[in-house]
Amino acid sequence: MKNFLRIALGGLVLGGSAMVATQDQAVGYTTIGGTLGMSQRDFRLYNNFNGSSANNNTTINANWPQYDGAELAMWKGGAEWGSRAHGDGSGDTSQGTVGSGTANFSYFWNGEASGVGGTNDNIISSLGGSSGGVLAFAETPINNGWRIRFYGDAWSWQDGPGSVGSGIDIQGVACHELGHTLGLGHTTASGSTMTAFISGTGTGQRSIQSDDINGVKFLYEARDDNKMPWIDSISGSLVPGGSVTINGGNFSPTNNTVWLQSDVVTGGNTGGDAEKVTGISSGSGTSMTFTLPNSGWTGGALHVQMDDVGKKSLSESHPFDGNGGGGTIGNDTIILTASSFTPPAGSLVTFSWSGAPVNSPYTFVWDFTNNSPFFATYSGLVGTGTTNVIGTGSINRIVPNGGSGRTVYMEIQVDDNGVIHDSNTLTISVP
């Protein structure tokens, strides 16, 4: 089953007939059948959007560490359905707080995927072509997984992060489609995220409304503040082998689990699995300390799961800026961009950076595996040199013919008197 989101202008559908089921005619939320178990809370993005406007935002926000562009937009779209605010709830000037679901439900953002995946792999991606006024659709049923496709060629997709003046807002549409994948159908309740049509840019769909909230509560029950764990703060050494303390509430005395973002980047189902640290004790129920694994994880966000597997067991997401290098690495402090994220073989690509340490040696690297947040290992060099007096620069490269059909991941690293600063990771997919 495909749940279509269309664009309306003056109340009219642009192209095609409205494909809505009978249940969509009622005012108030509807359901599509099923809910997401703990093994299906993950979602990822294969960032194959054409056009730079989908990845214009290259500024990292402290409440949403290590992701920018369309990835950040998708992450926030899912976090809006969360049981509580993500971190302090900030990072989007168009919303007061990101994280408004107040049900026993939160999505687990697991970063990038390397392909569109199958219909059960919980991956969001762009799709070529168009279908009348359809913006995007979710492929269901959901119990064993789902897939979301955006019509990437038909619309001018915008990633914000604030209000979008033109085009279509990725974040708002992602929030709508992720509402389908958690089990909601369309509604005709005015102003709701889950209406079957949007007008304007779709920015209004970023914030779920009372009808949407009632729907997610119906599916997962209202948040149980006496049972569901929550996170207030994280401190400690956020590096492999480091000791991390999580403060919050409703932790189990023993056998808590921390969900970390996995460093597995695939286009299949396995790429959605969390990297889990198990068997963590919390005598007081308000604080726990654990040791970060030496490998297998990346920064971004984490969750706490209490000693249970039910709907109430998983906390909201919380920012986690783990970087694999402690005080010796300035993680994602450099902003790296490319003139194209989907350059054909033989074409010229310009890579540009800003915010780097000045007059310092740089190393620009690539790998077939996303080694974020820091490429301690990599397959090859794009180039080396020295940054200029204002910490900016650029380099031109021709895409090799052998790159056709491949996806590579790239970052720049700058040595500032022994302290290594690195950039955000670029995902370059060669058609």
Protein backbone atom coordinates (compact mmCIF):
# COMPACT_ATOMS: atom_id res chain seq x y z
CA MET A 1 0.00 0.00 0.00
CA LYS A 2 1.23 3.50 -0.84
CA ASN A 3 0.07 6.54 1.09
CA PHE A 4 0.41 9.54 -1.22
CA LEU A 5 1.02 13.12 -0.15
CA ARG A 6 -0.05 15.64 -2.79
CA ILE A 7 0.26 19.36 -3.24
CA ALA A 8 -2.85 21.50 -3.54
CA LEU A 9 -3.24 25.00 -4.92
CA GLY A 10 -6.39 26.92 -4.06
CA GLY A 11 -7.98 23.66 -2.95
CA LEU A 12 -7.33 21.90 -6.28
CA VAL A 13 -5.04 18.96 -6.81
CA LEU A 14 -2.22 19.61 -9.26
CA GLY A 15 -2.35 16.70 -11.64
CA GLY A 16 -3.96 13.28 -11.27
CA SER A 17 -6.85 12.16 -9.15
CA ALA A 18 -6.71 12.02 -5.40
CA MET A 19 -5.78 8.51 -4.27
CA VAL A 20 -7.30 8.28 -0.82
CA ALA A 21 -8.98 5.39 0.94
CA THR A 22 -12.43 5.54 2.47
CA GLN A 23 -10.94 5.95 5.94
CA ASP A 24 -9.32 9.21 4.82
CA GLN A 25 -12.70 10.88 4.44
CA ALA A 26 -13.43 11.12 8.18
CA VAL A 27 -12.48 14.16 10.18
CA GLY A 28 -9.90 13.16 12.76
CA TYR A 29 -6.93 10.80 12.65
CA THR A 30 -7.11 7.43 10.94
CA THR A 31 -4.85 4.39 11.15
CA ILE A 32 -3.41 2.12 8.47
CA GLY A 33 -3.12 -1.03 10.61
CA GLY A 34 -0.17 -2.00 12.78
CA THR A 35 2.44 -0.31 14.93
CA LEU A 36 6.23 -0.34 15.05
CA GLY A 37 7.90 -2.72 17.48
CA MET A 38 11.30 -1.98 19.03
CA SER A 39 13.12 -3.63 16.12
CA GLN A 40 11.47 -1.24 13.65
CA ARG A 41 12.04 2.16 15.29
CA ASP A 42 15.06 2.98 13.12
CA PHE A 43 15.08 5.23 10.04
CA ARG A 44 17.85 6.31 7.67
CA LEU A 45 18.36 8.46 4.58
CA TYR A 46 19.99 7.60 1.28
CA ASN A 47 20.81 11.15 0.26
CA ASN A 48 20.39 10.95 -3.52
CA PHE A 49 18.44 14.20 -3.89
CA ASN A 50 19.26 16.07 -7.08
CA GLY A 51 19.86 19.79 -6.82
CA SER A 52 21.94 21.62 -4.23
CA SER A 53 18.90 23.22 -2.59
CA ALA A 54 18.13 19.93 -0.83
CA ASN A 55 21.46 20.21 0.99
CA ASN A 56 21.93 23.96 1.31
CA ASN A 57 22.14 23.91 5.09
CA THR A 58 25.76 23.21 5.97
CA THR A 59 25.65 24.57 9.53
CA ILE A 60 25.88 22.03 12.35
CA ASN A 61 23.56 22.74 15.29
CA ALA A 62 24.73 21.73 18.77
CA ASN A 63 21.36 20.15 19.55
CA TRP A 64 21.61 18.06 16.33
CA PRO A 65 25.32 17.21 16.15
CA GLN A 66 27.19 15.86 13.15
CA TYR A 67 24.41 16.10 10.54
CA ASP A 68 23.38 18.80 8.09
CA GLY A 69 21.49 19.19 4.82
CA ALA A 70 18.71 16.75 3.98
CA GLU A 71 19.92 14.35 6.68
CA LEU A 72 19.33 16.93 9.41
CA ALA A 73 15.91 17.75 7.94
CA MET A 74 14.89 14.07 8.00
CA TRP A 75 16.20 13.59 11.53
CA LYS A 76 14.15 16.52 12.83
CA GLY A 77 11.08 15.31 10.92
CA GLY A 78 11.22 12.02 12.80
CA ALA A 79 12.15 13.53 16.16
CA GLU A 80 8.98 15.66 16.11
CA TRP A 81 6.97 12.47 16.78
CA GLY A 82 9.13 11.66 19.83
CA SER A 83 7.81 11.14 23.33
CA ARG A 84 9.66 14.22 24.61
CA ALA A 85 11.71 17.07 23.20
CA HIS A 86 14.95 16.05 21.53
CA GLY A 87 17.61 17.52 23.83
CA ASP A 88 16.48 21.02 24.68
CA GLY A 89 14.07 21.02 21.74
CA SER A 90 15.89 23.82 19.92
CA GLY A 91 17.38 23.99 16.45
CA ASP A 92 14.41 24.97 14.32
CA THR A 93 13.32 28.60 14.24
CA SER A 94 9.95 27.63 12.73
CA GLN A 95 9.06 25.51 15.79
CA GLY A 96 9.08 26.21 19.50
CA THR A 97 10.12 22.67 20.41
CA VAL A 98 11.05 19.65 18.29
CA GLY A 99 9.59 16.55 19.91
CA SER A 100 5.85 16.81 20.53
CA GLY A 101 4.36 13.30 20.36
CA THR A 102 3.88 12.75 24.12
CA ALA A 103 3.17 9.05 23.45
CA ASN A 104 5.17 5.92 24.29
CA PHE A 105 6.99 6.27 20.99
CA SER A 106 10.24 7.68 19.61
CA TYR A 107 12.03 7.11 16.32
CA PHE A 108 15.69 6.04 16.29
CA TRP A 109 17.68 8.11 13.76
CA ASN A 110 20.49 5.93 12.41
CA GLY A 111 22.02 8.28 9.87
CA GLU A 112 23.00 7.43 6.33
CA ALA A 113 22.21 4.50 4.07
CA SER A 114 24.18 3.53 0.96
CA GLY A 115 21.17 2.69 -1.21
CA VAL A 116 17.39 2.95 -1.49
CA GLY A 117 16.95 -0.48 0.10
CA GLY A 118 13.93 -2.72 -0.16
CA THR A 119 10.36 -2.00 0.89
CA ASN A 120 11.07 -3.24 4.44
CA ASP A 121 14.43 -1.57 5.12
CA ASN A 122 13.24 1.68 6.76
CA ILE A 123 15.16 3.93 4.35
CA ILE A 124 14.08 7.30 2.91
CA SER A 125 15.34 8.23 -0.55
CA SER A 126 14.63 10.22 -3.69
CA LEU A 127 12.85 8.76 -6.71
CA GLY A 128 13.18 10.02 -10.29
CA GLY A 129 10.23 11.16 -12.39
CA SER A 130 6.92 12.48 -11.17
CA SER A 131 3.34 11.38 -10.54
CA GLY A 132 0.89 14.23 -10.96
CA GLY A 133 0.79 16.30 -7.82
CA VAL A 134 2.36 13.61 -5.62
CA LEU A 135 5.26 14.80 -3.47
CA ALA A 136 6.17 11.57 -1.68
CA PHE A 137 4.74 8.28 -0.50
CA ALA A 138 5.28 5.62 2.14
CA GLU A 139 5.30 1.94 1.24
CA THR A 140 3.50 -0.19 3.80
CA PRO A 141 2.43 -2.45 5.66
CA ILE A 142 4.73 -1.38 8.47
CA ASN A 143 4.98 -4.27 10.92
CA ASN A 144 8.08 -5.72 9.27
CA GLY A 145 9.47 -2.46 7.89
CA TRP A 146 8.68 0.26 5.36
CA ARG A 147 10.21 2.58 2.77
CA ILE A 148 9.62 6.26 1.93
CA ARG A 149 10.24 7.74 -1.54
CA PHE A 150 10.33 11.45 -2.43
CA TYR A 151 9.78 12.49 -6.05
CA GLY A 152 13.14 14.21 -6.25
CA ASP A 153 13.08 15.42 -9.85
CA ALA A 154 9.59 16.90 -9.88
CA TRP A 155 9.98 19.46 -7.09
CA SER A 156 12.48 21.97 -5.77
CA TRP A 157 13.26 20.41 -2.40
CA GLN A 158 14.52 22.74 0.34
CA ASP A 159 16.23 21.75 3.58
CA GLY A 160 15.71 24.90 5.65
CA PRO A 161 16.61 24.82 8.49
CA GLY A 162 14.31 27.78 9.19
CA SER A 163 11.27 28.82 7.21
CA VAL A 164 11.36 27.90 3.52
CA GLY A 165 10.52 30.75 1.17
CA SER A 166 10.03 28.70 -2.00
CA GLY A 167 10.05 25.11 -3.18
CA ILE A 168 8.92 22.23 -0.96
CA ASP A 169 10.14 21.68 2.58
CA ILE A 170 11.89 18.32 3.07
CA GLN A 171 11.41 18.34 6.82
CA GLY A 172 7.66 18.92 6.73
CA VAL A 173 7.07 16.21 4.14
CA ALA A 174 9.34 13.81 6.05
CA CYS A 175 7.34 14.43 9.23
CA HIS A 176 4.13 13.58 7.35
CA GLU A 177 5.50 10.41 5.75
CA LEU A 178 7.01 9.20 9.01
CA GLY A 179 3.55 9.62 10.51
CA HIS A 180 2.41 6.96 8.02
CA THR A 181 5.24 4.62 8.90
CA LEU A 182 4.39 4.74 12.60
CA GLY A 183 0.82 3.74 11.71
CA LEU A 184 -1.28 6.82 10.94
CA GLY A 185 -3.39 7.36 7.84
CA HIS A 186 -4.62 10.68 6.45
CA THR A 187 -6.95 13.07 8.21
CA THR A 188 -9.11 15.96 7.10
CA ALA A 189 -8.66 17.75 10.43
CA SER A 190 -7.59 21.23 9.38
CA GLY A 191 -3.99 22.20 10.03
CA SER A 192 -2.81 18.70 10.89
CA THR A 193 0.47 17.25 9.65
CA MET A 194 -1.36 14.14 8.42
CA THR A 195 -3.70 15.86 5.97
CA ALA A 196 -3.52 14.31 2.49
CA PHE A 197 -2.61 17.62 0.84
CA ILE A 198 -0.33 20.53 1.60
CA SER A 199 -0.40 24.07 0.34
CA GLY A 200 2.50 26.45 0.16
CA THR A 201 5.92 25.07 0.99
CA GLY A 202 4.85 22.44 3.51
CA THR A 203 6.79 24.01 6.37
CA GLY A 204 3.62 23.88 8.48
CA GLN A 205 3.78 20.07 8.41
CA ARG A 206 6.93 20.18 10.56
CA SER A 207 4.88 20.66 13.74
CA ILE A 208 2.38 17.95 14.60
CA GLN A 209 -0.94 19.21 15.92
CA SER A 210 -3.52 17.97 18.42
CA ASP A 211 -5.16 15.56 15.96
CA ASP A 212 -1.76 14.04 15.06
CA ILE A 213 -0.83 13.79 18.74
CA ASN A 214 -4.13 12.09 19.54
CA GLY A 215 -3.42 9.61 16.77
CA VAL A 216 0.04 8.61 17.96
CA LYS A 217 -1.28 8.34 21.52
CA PHE A 218 -4.05 6.05 20.31
CA LEU A 219 -1.50 3.77 18.65
CA TYR A 220 1.16 3.76 21.37
CA GLU A 221 -0.75 5.06 24.43
CA ALA A 222 -0.07 8.35 26.20
CA ARG A 223 3.43 8.70 27.60
CA ASP A 224 3.76 6.99 30.98
CA ASP A 225 5.83 9.40 33.05
CA ASN A 226 6.06 6.84 35.86
CA LYS A 227 7.57 4.18 33.61
CA MET A 228 9.19 5.52 30.42
CA PRO A 229 12.84 6.56 30.93
CA TRP A 230 14.05 10.03 30.02
CA ILE A 231 17.41 11.76 29.58
CA ASP A 232 18.35 15.14 31.06
CA SER A 233 22.06 15.33 30.32
CA ILE A 234 25.13 13.43 29.15
CA SER A 235 28.69 13.98 30.38
CA GLY A 236 32.06 12.31 30.40
CA SER A 237 34.60 11.26 27.79
CA LEU A 238 32.74 10.81 24.51
CA VAL A 239 35.47 8.73 22.83
CA PRO A 240 36.02 5.00 22.28
CA GLY A 241 36.67 3.48 25.69
CA GLY A 242 35.48 6.64 27.45
CA SER A 243 33.29 6.65 30.55
CA VAL A 244 29.92 8.33 29.96
CA THR A 245 27.33 9.30 32.55
CA ILE A 246 23.66 9.73 31.62
CA ASN A 247 21.39 11.62 34.02
CA GLY A 248 17.62 11.37 33.77
CA GLY A 249 14.88 9.27 35.31
CA ASN A 250 12.96 5.99 35.35
CA PHE A 251 16.08 3.93 34.65
CA SER A 252 15.91 0.31 35.78
CA PRO A 253 18.11 -0.71 38.74
CA THR A 254 19.96 -3.13 36.44
CA ASN A 255 20.14 -4.24 32.82
CA ASN A 256 19.56 -0.90 31.08
CA THR A 257 20.62 -0.60 27.44
CA VAL A 258 22.01 2.42 25.61
CA TRP A 259 21.22 2.68 21.90
CA LEU A 260 24.00 4.33 19.89
CA GLN A 261 24.00 5.12 16.20
CA SER A 262 25.69 2.33 14.28
CA ASP A 263 28.62 2.97 11.94
CA VAL A 264 27.27 0.34 9.52
CA VAL A 265 26.31 2.05 6.25
CA THR A 266 24.42 -0.25 3.89
CA GLY A 267 21.36 -0.17 1.68
CA GLY A 268 19.92 -3.20 3.46
CA ASN A 269 18.05 -3.97 6.62
CA THR A 270 21.13 -4.61 8.76
CA GLY A 271 22.20 -0.99 8.45
CA GLY A 272 19.32 0.05 10.68
CA ASP A 273 20.36 -1.88 13.75
CA ALA A 274 21.47 0.18 16.74
CA GLU A 275 24.87 -0.37 18.37
CA LYS A 276 23.80 -1.36 21.88
CA VAL A 277 25.60 -1.28 25.20
CA THR A 278 23.79 -3.65 27.52
CA GLY A 279 23.71 -4.59 31.21
CA ILE A 280 24.09 -1.06 32.62
CA SER A 281 23.13 -0.56 36.27
CA SER A 282 21.44 2.47 37.80
CA GLY A 283 20.94 2.06 41.50
CA SER A 284 19.14 5.37 41.94
CA GLY A 285 17.12 5.22 38.74
CA THR A 286 18.33 8.71 37.83
CA SER A 287 21.94 8.17 36.76
CA MET A 288 23.98 5.51 34.97
CA THR A 289 27.57 5.24 33.82
CA PHE A 290 28.83 3.05 30.99
CA THR A 291 31.92 2.56 28.84
CA LEU A 292 31.74 3.45 25.15
CA PRO A 293 32.67 0.56 22.82
CA ASN A 294 35.96 0.84 20.97
CA SER A 295 34.17 0.60 17.63
CA GLY A 296 30.81 0.13 15.95
CA TRP A 297 29.22 3.47 16.73
CA THR A 298 29.06 7.09 15.57
CA GLY A 299 27.88 10.30 17.19
CA GLY A 300 24.56 12.02 16.66
CA ALA A 301 22.04 10.82 19.21
CA LEU A 302 21.40 8.09 21.75
CA HIS A 303 18.46 6.53 23.62
CA VAL A 304 18.12 4.62 26.88
CA GLN A 305 16.05 1.44 27.03
CA MET A 306 15.08 0.27 30.48
CA ASP A 307 14.94 -3.42 31.43
CA ASP A 308 11.87 -4.14 29.32
CA VAL A 309 10.89 -4.54 25.66
CA GLY A 310 7.43 -2.94 25.73
CA LYS A 311 6.26 0.36 24.25
CA LYS A 312 7.17 2.26 27.41
CA SER A 313 10.77 1.07 27.61
CA LEU A 314 12.59 3.40 25.17
CA SER A 315 13.44 7.01 25.99
CA GLU A 316 13.36 9.99 23.68
CA SER A 317 16.49 10.75 21.65
CA HIS A 318 19.20 12.95 23.11
CA PRO A 319 22.11 14.71 21.39
CA PHE A 320 25.35 12.73 21.60
CA ASP A 321 28.39 14.41 20.06
CA GLY A 322 30.73 11.44 20.45
CA ASN A 323 33.60 11.80 18.04
CA GLY A 324 36.14 9.06 18.51
CA GLY A 325 38.92 11.45 19.41
CA GLY A 326 38.16 13.31 22.62
CA GLY A 327 40.03 16.55 23.13
CA THR A 328 42.38 15.87 20.24
CA ILE A 329 39.71 16.22 17.55
CA GLY A 330 37.58 19.24 16.70
CA ASN A 331 34.78 17.17 15.22
CA ASP A 332 32.72 18.59 12.33
CA THR A 333 33.99 22.12 12.97
CA ILE A 334 34.86 22.64 9.29
CA ILE A 335 32.08 23.15 6.75
CA LEU A 336 32.65 21.18 3.52
CA THR A 337 30.44 21.51 0.43
CA ALA A 338 30.44 20.26 -3.17
CA SER A 339 29.15 21.78 -6.39
CA SER A 340 27.29 18.50 -7.05
CA PHE A 341 26.39 15.52 -4.89
CA THR A 342 25.48 13.35 -7.89
CA PRO A 343 28.14 14.22 -10.50
CA PRO A 344 28.36 12.01 -13.61
CA ALA A 345 31.67 10.34 -14.47
CA GLY A 346 34.00 12.71 -16.30
CA SER A 347 32.45 15.87 -14.85
CA LEU A 348 34.24 18.55 -12.82
CA VAL A 349 33.34 18.93 -9.15
CA THR A 350 34.40 21.86 -6.97
CA PHE A 351 34.83 21.13 -3.27
CA SER A 352 34.88 24.15 -0.96
CA TRP A 353 35.43 24.55 2.76
CA SER A 354 35.26 27.22 5.44
CA GLY A 355 35.76 27.46 9.18
CA ALA A 356 39.11 25.63 9.10
CA PRO A 357 42.16 26.54 11.19
CA VAL A 358 44.19 29.12 9.27
CA ASN A 359 47.57 28.51 7.63
CA SER A 360 47.47 24.83 8.56
CA PRO A 361 48.07 21.62 6.57
CA TYR A 362 44.98 19.84 5.32
CA THR A 363 44.29 16.32 4.10
CA PHE A 364 41.19 15.69 1.97
CA VAL A 365 40.22 12.00 2.11
CA TRP A 366 37.62 9.58 0.74
CA ASP A 367 36.37 6.07 1.45
CA PHE A 368 33.65 3.70 0.25
CA THR A 369 32.53 3.37 3.89
CA ASN A 370 31.12 6.22 5.95
CA ASN A 371 33.63 6.42 8.78
CA SER A 372 31.93 9.39 10.42
CA PRO A 373 32.44 11.23 12.61
CA PHE A 374 36.19 10.97 11.93
CA PHE A 375 37.95 9.13 9.08
CA ALA A 376 40.80 7.52 11.03
CA THR A 377 41.08 5.10 8.09
CA TYR A 378 40.31 5.86 4.45
CA SER A 379 40.86 4.51 0.95
CA GLY A 380 42.55 7.47 -0.69
CA LEU A 381 43.38 11.14 -0.95
CA VAL A 382 41.50 13.79 -2.85
CA GLY A 383 44.30 16.26 -2.19
CA THR A 384 46.59 17.89 0.35
CA GLY A 385 47.77 21.43 0.93
CA THR A 386 47.63 24.33 3.37
CA THR A 387 44.59 26.38 4.37
CA ASN A 388 44.61 30.11 3.69
CA VAL A 389 44.69 33.05 6.10
CA ILE A 390 40.90 32.98 6.65
CA GLY A 391 40.43 29.22 6.84
CA THR A 392 38.64 28.80 3.52
CA GLY A 393 39.61 27.07 0.30
CA SER A 394 38.53 24.95 -2.64
CA ILE A 395 39.79 22.19 -4.89
CA ASN A 396 38.60 20.95 -8.30
CA ARG A 397 38.56 17.30 -9.27
CA ILE A 398 37.35 15.28 -12.29
CA VAL A 399 35.11 12.32 -11.40
CA PRO A 400 36.91 9.19 -12.70
CA ASN A 401 35.11 6.98 -15.21
CA GLY A 402 35.46 4.06 -12.84
CA GLY A 403 33.28 5.88 -10.33
CA SER A 404 30.04 5.19 -12.21
CA GLY A 405 27.49 3.53 -9.95
CA ARG A 406 29.57 4.08 -6.81
CA THR A 407 28.98 6.09 -3.64
CA VAL A 408 31.92 7.59 -1.78
CA TYR A 409 32.20 9.47 1.50
CA MET A 410 34.57 12.39 1.93
CA GLU A 411 35.88 14.72 4.63
CA ILE A 412 38.69 17.21 5.10
CA GLN A 413 41.05 17.08 8.08
CA VAL A 414 43.23 19.99 9.23
CA ASP A 415 46.15 19.71 11.66
CA ASP A 416 46.24 22.76 13.92
CA ASN A 417 49.50 22.29 15.86
CA GLY A 418 48.66 18.69 16.69
CA VAL A 419 44.91 19.16 17.19
CA ILE A 420 43.00 17.57 14.31
CA HIS A 421 39.87 19.37 13.12
CA ASP A 422 37.60 17.63 10.62
CA SER A 423 34.58 18.53 8.51
CA ASN A 424 31.11 17.18 8.03
CA THR A 425 30.98 14.10 5.80
CA LEU A 426 29.96 14.51 2.15
CA THR A 427 28.10 11.71 0.40
CA ILE A 428 28.86 11.69 -3.33
CA SER A 429 26.84 9.30 -5.51
CA VAL A 430 27.95 8.89 -9.13
CA PRO A 431 25.11 7.80 -11.46
